[in-house]
Amino acid sequence: MKLHKLILAGTATALAIGAGAAFAQFQSAEKAVDYRESVFTVMGTHFGRIGAVVKGEQPYNKDEVAKNAAIVTMMSTLPWQAFGPGTEGGKAKPEVWSDNAKFKAAAEKMQLAVIDLNKAAQSGDLEGIKKSFGAAGSTCKGCHDDFKKK
């Protein structure tokens, strides 16, 4: 539970800071877009590695799944600073900015889901990994449906 609160507090802080200072952190809006898209690419790569195990395409290796889940969890804290005012564009729909409260809620939901996935992965409970992987994947899909251009 403490990890949940820590990640959530970090997310809220990053979102609050990011809203006012995101553009200042990046040399241009394009740099912010590149940053957040790169973060999501790395997350997707490591999430996909877990998915291959969950689908039975790769053998289960507790240490590898745990390592990938930890990377996904850490990376899930990073992209939000690159969604501030003046950073519109890339694969993000305008709704990221016009319905920012919904976007922030979706981001927090995803982060909590990957924390649960990480816990299951660290414990080595393959059935728990499968269940939490599905839940995390649903949060990703929901955000993509609402906030990512096709």
C-alpha atoms as a PDB file:
ATOM      1  CA  MET A   1       0.000   0.000   0.000  1.00  0.00           C
ATOM      2  CA  LYS A   2       2.859   2.380   0.743  1.00  0.00           C
ATOM      3  CA  LEU A   3       4.215   1.881  -2.788  1.00  0.00           C
ATOM      4  CA  HIS A   4       0.748   2.695  -4.170  1.00  0.00           C
ATOM      5  CA  LYS A   5       0.695   5.940  -2.216  1.00  0.00           C
ATOM      6  CA  LEU A   6       4.257   6.812  -3.177  1.00  0.00           C
ATOM      7  CA  ILE A   7       3.643   6.271  -6.886  1.00  0.00           C
ATOM      8  CA  LEU A   8       0.327   8.098  -6.730  1.00  0.00           C
ATOM      9  CA  ALA A   9       1.903  11.019  -4.882  1.00  0.00           C
ATOM     10  CA  GLY A  10       4.694  11.102  -7.439  1.00  0.00           C
ATOM     11  CA  THR A  11       2.165  11.050 -10.258  1.00  0.00           C
ATOM     12  CA  ALA A  12       0.118  13.859  -8.772  1.00  0.00           C
ATOM     13  CA  THR A  13       3.252  15.924  -8.256  1.00  0.00           C
ATOM     14  CA  ALA A  14       4.533  15.229 -11.756  1.00  0.00           C
ATOM     15  CA  LEU A  15       1.164  16.068 -13.270  1.00  0.00           C
ATOM     16  CA  ALA A  16       0.880  19.288 -11.291  1.00  0.00           C
ATOM     17  CA  ILE A  17       4.410  20.380 -12.040  1.00  0.00           C
ATOM     18  CA  GLY A  18       4.168  19.193 -15.613  1.00  0.00           C
ATOM     19  CA  ALA A  19       1.085  21.248 -16.300  1.00  0.00           C
ATOM     20  CA  GLY A  20       2.884  24.480 -15.546  1.00  0.00           C
ATOM     21  CA  ALA A  21       6.469  23.727 -16.429  1.00  0.00           C
ATOM     22  CA  ALA A  22       6.461  21.039 -19.112  1.00  0.00           C
ATOM     23  CA  PHE A  23       7.201  23.339 -21.986  1.00  0.00           C
ATOM     24  CA  ALA A  24       9.994  25.000 -20.005  1.00  0.00           C
ATOM     25  CA  GLN A  25      11.607  21.593 -19.398  1.00  0.00           C
ATOM     26  CA  PHE A  26      11.853  20.856 -23.092  1.00  0.00           C
ATOM     27  CA  GLN A  27      13.552  22.886 -25.780  1.00  0.00           C
ATOM     28  CA  SER A  28      10.435  22.664 -27.920  1.00  0.00           C
ATOM     29  CA  ALA A  29       7.038  21.018 -28.123  1.00  0.00           C
ATOM     30  CA  GLU A  30       8.593  18.472 -30.480  1.00  0.00           C
ATOM     31  CA  LYS A  31      11.116  17.487 -27.793  1.00  0.00           C
ATOM     32  CA  ALA A  32       8.270  16.952 -25.305  1.00  0.00           C
ATOM     33  CA  VAL A  33       6.426  14.788 -27.841  1.00  0.00           C
ATOM     34  CA  ASP A  34       9.599  12.795 -28.567  1.00  0.00           C
ATOM     35  CA  TYR A  35      10.203  12.297 -24.846  1.00  0.00           C
ATOM     36  CA  ARG A  36       6.740  11.017 -23.985  1.00  0.00           C
ATOM     37  CA  GLU A  37       6.529   8.807 -27.074  1.00  0.00           C
ATOM     38  CA  SER A  38       9.947   7.329 -26.240  1.00  0.00           C
ATOM     39  CA  VAL A  39       8.827   6.572 -22.688  1.00  0.00           C
ATOM     40  CA  PHE A  40       5.700   4.836 -23.961  1.00  0.00           C
ATOM     41  CA  THR A  41       7.784   2.838 -26.453  1.00  0.00           C
ATOM     42  CA  VAL A  42      10.044   1.530 -23.685  1.00  0.00           C
ATOM     43  CA  MET A  43       7.019   0.753 -21.494  1.00  0.00           C
ATOM     44  CA  GLY A  44       5.340  -1.069 -24.358  1.00  0.00           C
ATOM     45  CA  THR A  45       8.443  -3.117 -25.093  1.00  0.00           C
ATOM     46  CA  HIS A  46       8.770  -4.366 -21.532  1.00  0.00           C
ATOM     47  CA  PHE A  47       5.022  -4.836 -21.120  1.00  0.00           C
ATOM     48  CA  GLY A  48       5.055  -6.868 -24.332  1.00  0.00           C
ATOM     49  CA  ARG A  49       7.773  -9.128 -22.940  1.00  0.00           C
ATOM     50  CA  ILE A  50       5.504  -9.944 -20.010  1.00  0.00           C
ATOM     51  CA  GLY A  51       2.625 -10.428 -22.437  1.00  0.00           C
ATOM     52  CA  ALA A  52       4.596 -13.028 -24.377  1.00  0.00           C
ATOM     53  CA  VAL A  53       4.944 -15.040 -21.163  1.00  0.00           C
ATOM     54  CA  VAL A  54       1.288 -14.562 -20.223  1.00  0.00           C
ATOM     55  CA  LYS A  55       0.229 -15.770 -23.692  1.00  0.00           C
ATOM     56  CA  GLY A  56       2.536 -18.790 -23.490  1.00  0.00           C
ATOM     57  CA  GLU A  57       4.716 -17.572 -26.355  1.00  0.00           C
ATOM     58  CA  GLN A  58       7.779 -17.441 -24.107  1.00  0.00           C
ATOM     59  CA  PRO A  59       8.686 -19.622 -21.135  1.00  0.00           C
ATOM     60  CA  TYR A  60       8.057 -18.199 -17.676  1.00  0.00           C
ATOM     61  CA  ASN A  61      11.204 -16.898 -16.026  1.00  0.00           C
ATOM     62  CA  LYS A  62      10.369 -15.254 -12.706  1.00  0.00           C
ATOM     63  CA  ASP A  63      13.438 -13.004 -12.710  1.00  0.00           C
ATOM     64  CA  GLU A  64      12.832 -11.738 -16.250  1.00  0.00           C
ATOM     65  CA  VAL A  65       9.153 -11.051 -15.649  1.00  0.00           C
ATOM     66  CA  ALA A  66       9.966  -9.285 -12.374  1.00  0.00           C
ATOM     67  CA  LYS A  67      12.632  -7.167 -14.083  1.00  0.00           C
ATOM     68  CA  ASN A  68      10.275  -6.182 -16.901  1.00  0.00           C
ATOM     69  CA  ALA A  69       7.443  -5.368 -14.489  1.00  0.00           C
ATOM     70  CA  ALA A  70       9.761  -3.160 -12.429  1.00  0.00           C
ATOM     71  CA  ILE A  71      10.798  -1.280 -15.581  1.00  0.00           C
ATOM     72  CA  VAL A  72       7.177  -0.768 -16.636  1.00  0.00           C
ATOM     73  CA  THR A  73       6.313   0.528 -13.159  1.00  0.00           C
ATOM     74  CA  MET A  74       9.209   2.967 -13.077  1.00  0.00           C
ATOM     75  CA  MET A  75       8.588   4.176 -16.628  1.00  0.00           C
ATOM     76  CA  SER A  76       4.904   4.735 -15.835  1.00  0.00           C
ATOM     77  CA  THR A  77       5.916   7.715 -13.689  1.00  0.00           C
ATOM     78  CA  LEU A  78       7.760   9.561 -16.451  1.00  0.00           C
ATOM     79  CA  PRO A  79       5.670  10.677 -19.453  1.00  0.00           C
ATOM     80  CA  TRP A  80       3.251  12.999 -17.681  1.00  0.00           C
ATOM     81  CA  GLN A  81       5.633  15.952 -17.438  1.00  0.00           C
ATOM     82  CA  ALA A  82       5.654  16.052 -21.243  1.00  0.00           C
ATOM     83  CA  PHE A  83       1.890  16.687 -21.539  1.00  0.00           C
ATOM     84  CA  GLY A  84       1.816  20.305 -20.383  1.00  0.00           C
ATOM     85  CA  PRO A  85       0.325  23.277 -22.183  1.00  0.00           C
ATOM     86  CA  GLY A  86       2.096  23.981 -25.439  1.00  0.00           C
ATOM     87  CA  THR A  87       3.078  20.330 -25.964  1.00  0.00           C
ATOM     88  CA  GLU A  88       0.074  19.331 -28.063  1.00  0.00           C
ATOM     89  CA  GLY A  89       0.726  17.047 -30.994  1.00  0.00           C
ATOM     90  CA  GLY A  90       2.268  13.750 -31.792  1.00  0.00           C
ATOM     91  CA  LYS A  91       0.044  10.728 -31.232  1.00  0.00           C
ATOM     92  CA  ALA A  92      -1.926  12.463 -28.472  1.00  0.00           C
ATOM     93  CA  LYS A  93      -5.488  13.491 -29.216  1.00  0.00           C
ATOM     94  CA  PRO A  94      -6.613  17.024 -28.316  1.00  0.00           C
ATOM     95  CA  GLU A  95      -8.745  15.475 -25.550  1.00  0.00           C
ATOM     96  CA  VAL A  96      -5.560  15.093 -23.458  1.00  0.00           C
ATOM     97  CA  TRP A  97      -5.726  18.845 -22.963  1.00  0.00           C
ATOM     98  CA  SER A  98      -9.465  19.534 -23.340  1.00  0.00           C
ATOM     99  CA  ASP A  99     -10.472  16.784 -20.862  1.00  0.00           C
ATOM    100  CA  ASN A 100      -7.330  16.820 -18.744  1.00  0.00           C
ATOM    101  CA  ALA A 101      -9.053  15.610 -15.564  1.00  0.00           C
ATOM    102  CA  LYS A 102     -10.143  12.423 -17.339  1.00  0.00           C
ATOM    103  CA  PHE A 103      -6.644  12.017 -18.785  1.00  0.00           C
ATOM    104  CA  LYS A 104      -5.038  12.394 -15.356  1.00  0.00           C
ATOM    105  CA  ALA A 105      -7.481   9.890 -13.864  1.00  0.00           C
ATOM    106  CA  ALA A 106      -6.642   7.403 -16.624  1.00  0.00           C
ATOM    107  CA  ALA A 107      -2.919   7.908 -16.005  1.00  0.00           C
ATOM    108  CA  GLU A 108      -3.338   7.253 -12.279  1.00  0.00           C
ATOM    109  CA  LYS A 109      -5.472   4.169 -12.940  1.00  0.00           C
ATOM    110  CA  MET A 110      -2.780   2.761 -15.233  1.00  0.00           C
ATOM    111  CA  GLN A 111      -0.065   3.426 -12.692  1.00  0.00           C
ATOM    112  CA  LEU A 112      -1.987   1.616  -9.959  1.00  0.00           C
ATOM    113  CA  ALA A 113      -2.569  -1.324 -12.306  1.00  0.00           C
ATOM    114  CA  VAL A 114       1.132  -1.630 -13.158  1.00  0.00           C
ATOM    115  CA  ILE A 115       1.998  -1.428  -9.462  1.00  0.00           C
ATOM    116  CA  ASP A 116      -0.274  -4.441  -8.939  1.00  0.00           C
ATOM    117  CA  LEU A 117       1.403  -6.189 -11.868  1.00  0.00           C
ATOM    118  CA  ASN A 118       4.800  -5.447 -10.371  1.00  0.00           C
ATOM    119  CA  LYS A 119       3.737  -6.857  -6.993  1.00  0.00           C
ATOM    120  CA  ALA A 120       2.508 -10.064  -8.616  1.00  0.00           C
ATOM    121  CA  ALA A 121       5.699 -10.331 -10.675  1.00  0.00           C
ATOM    122  CA  GLN A 122       7.931  -9.805  -7.664  1.00  0.00           C
ATOM    123  CA  SER A 123       6.038 -12.522  -5.781  1.00  0.00           C
ATOM    124  CA  GLY A 124       6.390 -14.955  -8.665  1.00  0.00           C
ATOM    125  CA  ASP A 125       2.686 -15.820  -8.696  1.00  0.00           C
ATOM    126  CA  LEU A 126       2.092 -16.612 -12.383  1.00  0.00           C
ATOM    127  CA  GLU A 127      -1.701 -16.675 -12.029  1.00  0.00           C
ATOM    128  CA  GLY A 128      -1.552 -13.311 -10.262  1.00  0.00           C
ATOM    129  CA  ILE A 129       0.699 -12.004 -13.028  1.00  0.00           C
ATOM    130  CA  LYS A 130      -1.789 -13.115 -15.672  1.00  0.00           C
ATOM    131  CA  LYS A 131      -4.696 -11.487 -13.837  1.00  0.00           C
ATOM    132  CA  SER A 132      -2.901  -8.199 -13.160  1.00  0.00           C
ATOM    133  CA  PHE A 133      -1.441  -8.139 -16.683  1.00  0.00           C
ATOM    134  CA  GLY A 134      -4.982  -8.247 -18.066  1.00  0.00           C
ATOM    135  CA  ALA A 135      -6.091  -5.453 -15.756  1.00  0.00           C
ATOM    136  CA  ALA A 136      -3.083  -3.304 -16.659  1.00  0.00           C
ATOM    137  CA  GLY A 137      -3.634  -3.974 -20.347  1.00  0.00           C
ATOM    138  CA  SER A 138      -7.233  -2.809 -20.009  1.00  0.00           C
ATOM    139  CA  THR A 139      -6.091   0.504 -18.550  1.00  0.00           C
ATOM    140  CA  CYS A 140      -3.641   0.947 -21.409  1.00  0.00           C
ATOM    141  CA  LYS A 141      -6.344   0.192 -23.974  1.00  0.00           C
ATOM    142  CA  GLY A 142      -8.790   2.578 -22.334  1.00  0.00           C
ATOM    143  CA  CYS A 143      -6.317   5.430 -22.457  1.00  0.00           C
ATOM    144  CA  HIS A 144      -5.345   4.616 -26.048  1.00  0.00           C
ATOM    145  CA  ASP A 145      -9.010   4.539 -27.076  1.00  0.00           C
ATOM    146  CA  ASP A 146      -9.716   7.915 -25.491  1.00  0.00           C
ATOM    147  CA  PHE A 147      -6.445   9.801 -25.881  1.00  0.00           C
ATOM    148  CA  LYS A 148      -4.253   8.318 -28.647  1.00  0.00           C
ATOM    149  CA  LYS A 149      -4.670   8.920 -32.354  1.00  0.00           C
ATOM    150  CA  LYS A 150      -5.109   5.786 -34.406  1.00  0.00           C
END
